N, C-alpha and C. Protein backbone atom coordinates (compact mmCIF):
# COMPACT_ATOMS: atom_id res chain seq x y z
N VAL A 1 42.82 205.97 3.56
CA VAL A 1 43.14 205.00 2.53
C VAL A 1 44.32 205.51 1.70
N PHE A 2 44.31 206.80 1.37
CA PHE A 2 45.41 207.37 0.58
C PHE A 2 46.75 207.13 1.25
N PHE A 3 46.82 207.45 2.56
CA PHE A 3 48.08 207.30 3.28
C PHE A 3 48.54 205.86 3.29
N ARG A 4 47.64 204.94 3.62
CA ARG A 4 48.03 203.53 3.71
C ARG A 4 48.47 202.97 2.36
N ARG A 5 47.82 203.42 1.31
CA ARG A 5 48.14 202.89 -0.01
C ARG A 5 49.48 203.43 -0.54
N HIS A 6 49.74 204.70 -0.32
CA HIS A 6 50.91 205.33 -0.93
C HIS A 6 52.07 205.60 0.03
N TYR A 7 51.78 205.68 1.31
CA TYR A 7 52.81 206.02 2.29
C TYR A 7 52.70 205.13 3.52
N PRO A 8 53.43 204.03 3.54
CA PRO A 8 53.43 203.20 4.76
C PRO A 8 53.92 204.03 5.94
N LEU A 9 53.49 203.68 7.14
CA LEU A 9 53.87 204.44 8.33
C LEU A 9 55.38 204.59 8.48
N THR A 10 56.13 203.63 8.01
CA THR A 10 57.59 203.69 8.16
C THR A 10 58.20 204.82 7.33
N THR A 11 57.46 205.34 6.35
CA THR A 11 57.99 206.44 5.53
C THR A 11 57.61 207.81 6.06
N LEU A 12 56.59 207.89 6.92
CA LEU A 12 56.12 209.19 7.42
C LEU A 12 57.06 209.75 8.49
N ARG A 13 57.34 211.03 8.39
CA ARG A 13 58.23 211.72 9.33
C ARG A 13 57.48 212.73 10.21
N PHE A 14 56.47 213.39 9.63
CA PHE A 14 55.77 214.46 10.35
C PHE A 14 54.40 214.67 9.71
N CYS A 15 53.43 215.07 10.55
CA CYS A 15 52.11 215.44 10.06
C CYS A 15 51.59 216.56 10.94
N GLY A 16 51.09 217.64 10.34
CA GLY A 16 50.61 218.75 11.15
C GLY A 16 49.88 219.80 10.34
N MET A 17 49.31 220.75 11.09
CA MET A 17 48.59 221.88 10.49
C MET A 17 49.60 222.91 9.99
N ASP A 18 49.15 223.76 9.10
CA ASP A 18 49.97 224.88 8.64
C ASP A 18 50.32 225.73 9.85
N PRO A 19 51.61 225.93 10.15
CA PRO A 19 51.98 226.70 11.33
C PRO A 19 51.50 228.15 11.30
N GLU A 20 51.21 228.67 10.12
CA GLU A 20 50.69 230.03 10.01
C GLU A 20 49.17 230.08 9.99
N GLN A 21 48.55 228.92 10.18
CA GLN A 21 47.09 228.79 10.25
C GLN A 21 46.37 229.39 9.04
N ARG A 22 46.96 229.22 7.87
CA ARG A 22 46.32 229.70 6.65
C ARG A 22 45.21 228.75 6.24
N LYS A 23 44.30 229.27 5.44
CA LYS A 23 43.20 228.46 4.92
C LYS A 23 43.21 228.54 3.41
N TRP A 24 42.76 227.46 2.78
CA TRP A 24 42.61 227.40 1.34
C TRP A 24 41.18 227.78 1.02
N GLN A 25 41.01 228.67 0.06
CA GLN A 25 39.69 229.19 -0.28
C GLN A 25 39.24 228.63 -1.61
N LYS A 26 38.12 227.92 -1.61
CA LYS A 26 37.55 227.44 -2.87
C LYS A 26 36.04 227.44 -2.73
N TYR A 27 35.36 227.98 -3.71
CA TYR A 27 33.90 228.07 -3.70
C TYR A 27 33.40 228.77 -2.43
N CYS A 28 34.10 229.81 -2.02
CA CYS A 28 33.74 230.64 -0.85
C CYS A 28 33.71 229.85 0.46
N LYS A 29 34.36 228.71 0.50
CA LYS A 29 34.40 227.91 1.72
C LYS A 29 35.86 227.76 2.14
N PRO A 30 36.27 228.40 3.23
CA PRO A 30 37.65 228.26 3.67
C PRO A 30 37.90 226.89 4.32
N SER A 31 39.05 226.32 4.03
CA SER A 31 39.42 225.01 4.57
C SER A 31 40.82 225.08 5.16
N TRP A 32 41.00 224.45 6.33
CA TRP A 32 42.32 224.42 6.97
C TRP A 32 43.31 223.65 6.10
N ILE A 33 44.54 224.14 6.06
CA ILE A 33 45.61 223.48 5.31
C ILE A 33 46.43 222.64 6.28
N PHE A 34 46.75 221.42 5.86
CA PHE A 34 47.61 220.56 6.64
C PHE A 34 48.51 219.77 5.69
N GLY A 35 49.49 219.11 6.23
CA GLY A 35 50.39 218.37 5.37
C GLY A 35 51.18 217.33 6.12
N PHE A 36 51.97 216.60 5.37
CA PHE A 36 52.87 215.63 5.98
C PHE A 36 54.18 215.58 5.22
N VAL A 37 55.20 215.12 5.93
CA VAL A 37 56.53 214.95 5.35
C VAL A 37 56.84 213.45 5.40
N ALA A 38 57.34 212.93 4.30
CA ALA A 38 57.68 211.51 4.22
C ALA A 38 59.02 211.34 3.52
N LYS A 39 59.62 210.18 3.74
CA LYS A 39 60.85 209.85 3.03
C LYS A 39 60.51 209.71 1.55
N SER A 40 61.40 210.19 0.71
CA SER A 40 61.22 210.04 -0.73
C SER A 40 61.34 208.56 -1.08
N GLN A 41 60.50 208.10 -1.99
CA GLN A 41 60.55 206.71 -2.42
C GLN A 41 61.58 206.48 -3.51
N THR A 42 62.13 207.58 -4.05
CA THR A 42 63.14 207.44 -5.10
C THR A 42 64.53 207.85 -4.65
N GLU A 43 64.64 208.82 -3.75
CA GLU A 43 65.92 209.31 -3.26
C GLU A 43 66.01 209.08 -1.76
N SER A 44 66.92 208.24 -1.32
CA SER A 44 66.97 207.85 0.09
C SER A 44 67.32 209.00 1.03
N GLN A 45 68.02 210.01 0.55
CA GLN A 45 68.41 211.14 1.40
C GLN A 45 67.44 212.31 1.32
N GLU A 46 66.35 212.15 0.60
CA GLU A 46 65.41 213.25 0.38
C GLU A 46 64.09 213.00 1.10
N ASN A 47 63.35 214.07 1.37
CA ASN A 47 62.00 214.01 1.91
C ASN A 47 61.05 214.66 0.91
N VAL A 48 59.79 214.31 0.99
CA VAL A 48 58.76 214.96 0.18
C VAL A 48 57.70 215.52 1.11
N CYS A 49 57.11 216.63 0.73
CA CYS A 49 56.08 217.28 1.53
C CYS A 49 54.80 217.34 0.70
N HIS A 50 53.70 216.94 1.30
CA HIS A 50 52.41 216.99 0.64
C HIS A 50 51.48 217.88 1.44
N LEU A 51 50.83 218.80 0.76
CA LEU A 51 49.87 219.71 1.41
C LEU A 51 48.46 219.34 0.99
N PHE A 52 47.55 219.43 1.96
CA PHE A 52 46.15 219.11 1.73
C PHE A 52 45.29 220.20 2.36
N ALA A 53 44.02 220.19 2.02
CA ALA A 53 43.04 221.06 2.68
C ALA A 53 41.84 220.21 3.06
N GLU A 54 41.19 220.60 4.14
CA GLU A 54 39.99 219.88 4.55
C GLU A 54 39.00 219.86 3.40
N TYR A 55 38.30 218.76 3.27
CA TYR A 55 37.29 218.65 2.23
C TYR A 55 35.90 218.49 2.82
N ASP A 56 35.83 217.73 3.89
CA ASP A 56 34.55 217.39 4.49
C ASP A 56 34.57 217.76 5.97
N PRO A 57 33.63 218.58 6.44
CA PRO A 57 33.62 218.96 7.85
C PRO A 57 33.45 217.77 8.79
N VAL A 58 32.94 216.66 8.29
CA VAL A 58 32.79 215.46 9.11
C VAL A 58 34.17 214.87 9.44
N GLN A 59 35.15 215.11 8.58
CA GLN A 59 36.51 214.64 8.80
C GLN A 59 37.47 215.83 8.78
N PRO A 60 37.50 216.61 9.86
CA PRO A 60 38.35 217.81 9.89
C PRO A 60 39.84 217.44 9.90
N ALA A 61 40.65 218.37 9.48
CA ALA A 61 42.10 218.16 9.43
C ALA A 61 42.64 217.76 10.80
N SER A 62 42.11 218.32 11.86
CA SER A 62 42.61 218.00 13.19
C SER A 62 42.44 216.52 13.51
N GLN A 63 41.36 215.89 13.05
CA GLN A 63 41.17 214.46 13.28
C GLN A 63 42.14 213.63 12.45
N VAL A 64 42.39 214.04 11.22
CA VAL A 64 43.33 213.32 10.37
C VAL A 64 44.72 213.37 11.00
N ILE A 65 45.13 214.55 11.44
CA ILE A 65 46.44 214.71 12.06
C ILE A 65 46.54 213.90 13.34
N SER A 66 45.51 213.94 14.14
CA SER A 66 45.50 213.18 15.39
C SER A 66 45.65 211.68 15.12
N LEU A 67 44.94 211.18 14.13
CA LEU A 67 45.02 209.76 13.78
C LEU A 67 46.43 209.39 13.32
N VAL A 68 47.00 210.19 12.42
CA VAL A 68 48.33 209.89 11.89
C VAL A 68 49.37 209.95 13.01
N ARG A 69 49.29 210.95 13.87
CA ARG A 69 50.25 211.06 14.98
C ARG A 69 50.13 209.88 15.94
N THR A 70 48.92 209.45 16.21
CA THR A 70 48.71 208.29 17.08
C THR A 70 49.32 207.05 16.45
N LEU A 71 49.09 206.85 15.16
CA LEU A 71 49.68 205.70 14.47
C LEU A 71 51.20 205.76 14.48
N LEU A 72 51.75 206.96 14.29
CA LEU A 72 53.22 207.10 14.31
C LEU A 72 53.79 206.78 15.71
N GLN A 73 53.11 207.23 16.75
CA GLN A 73 53.57 206.95 18.11
C GLN A 73 53.49 205.46 18.40
N ASP A 74 52.45 204.80 17.91
CA ASP A 74 52.31 203.36 18.15
C ASP A 74 53.42 202.57 17.48
N THR A 75 53.90 203.04 16.32
CA THR A 75 54.98 202.31 15.64
C THR A 75 56.32 202.52 16.33
N GLU A 76 56.46 203.61 17.09
CA GLU A 76 57.71 203.88 17.80
C GLU A 76 57.85 203.01 19.05
N ARG A 77 56.78 202.47 19.54
CA ARG A 77 56.81 201.66 20.77
C ARG A 77 57.33 200.29 20.53
């Protein structure tokens, strides 16, 4: 819902896991870090990067990334 509300697919450039496979540590529970790159909504020549960490094991970062990449590929067709 966050992505659809704030970042239409046409603005997304990349989505993936942290290439160094780092984890964010909070409350003794490590979570995978992932992020996406999108076109800036204010500066046409700029990009913005957002970093996230897994919150719920039912929705792991790998599934979020897979979904976003599939949606991006579908828009390219």
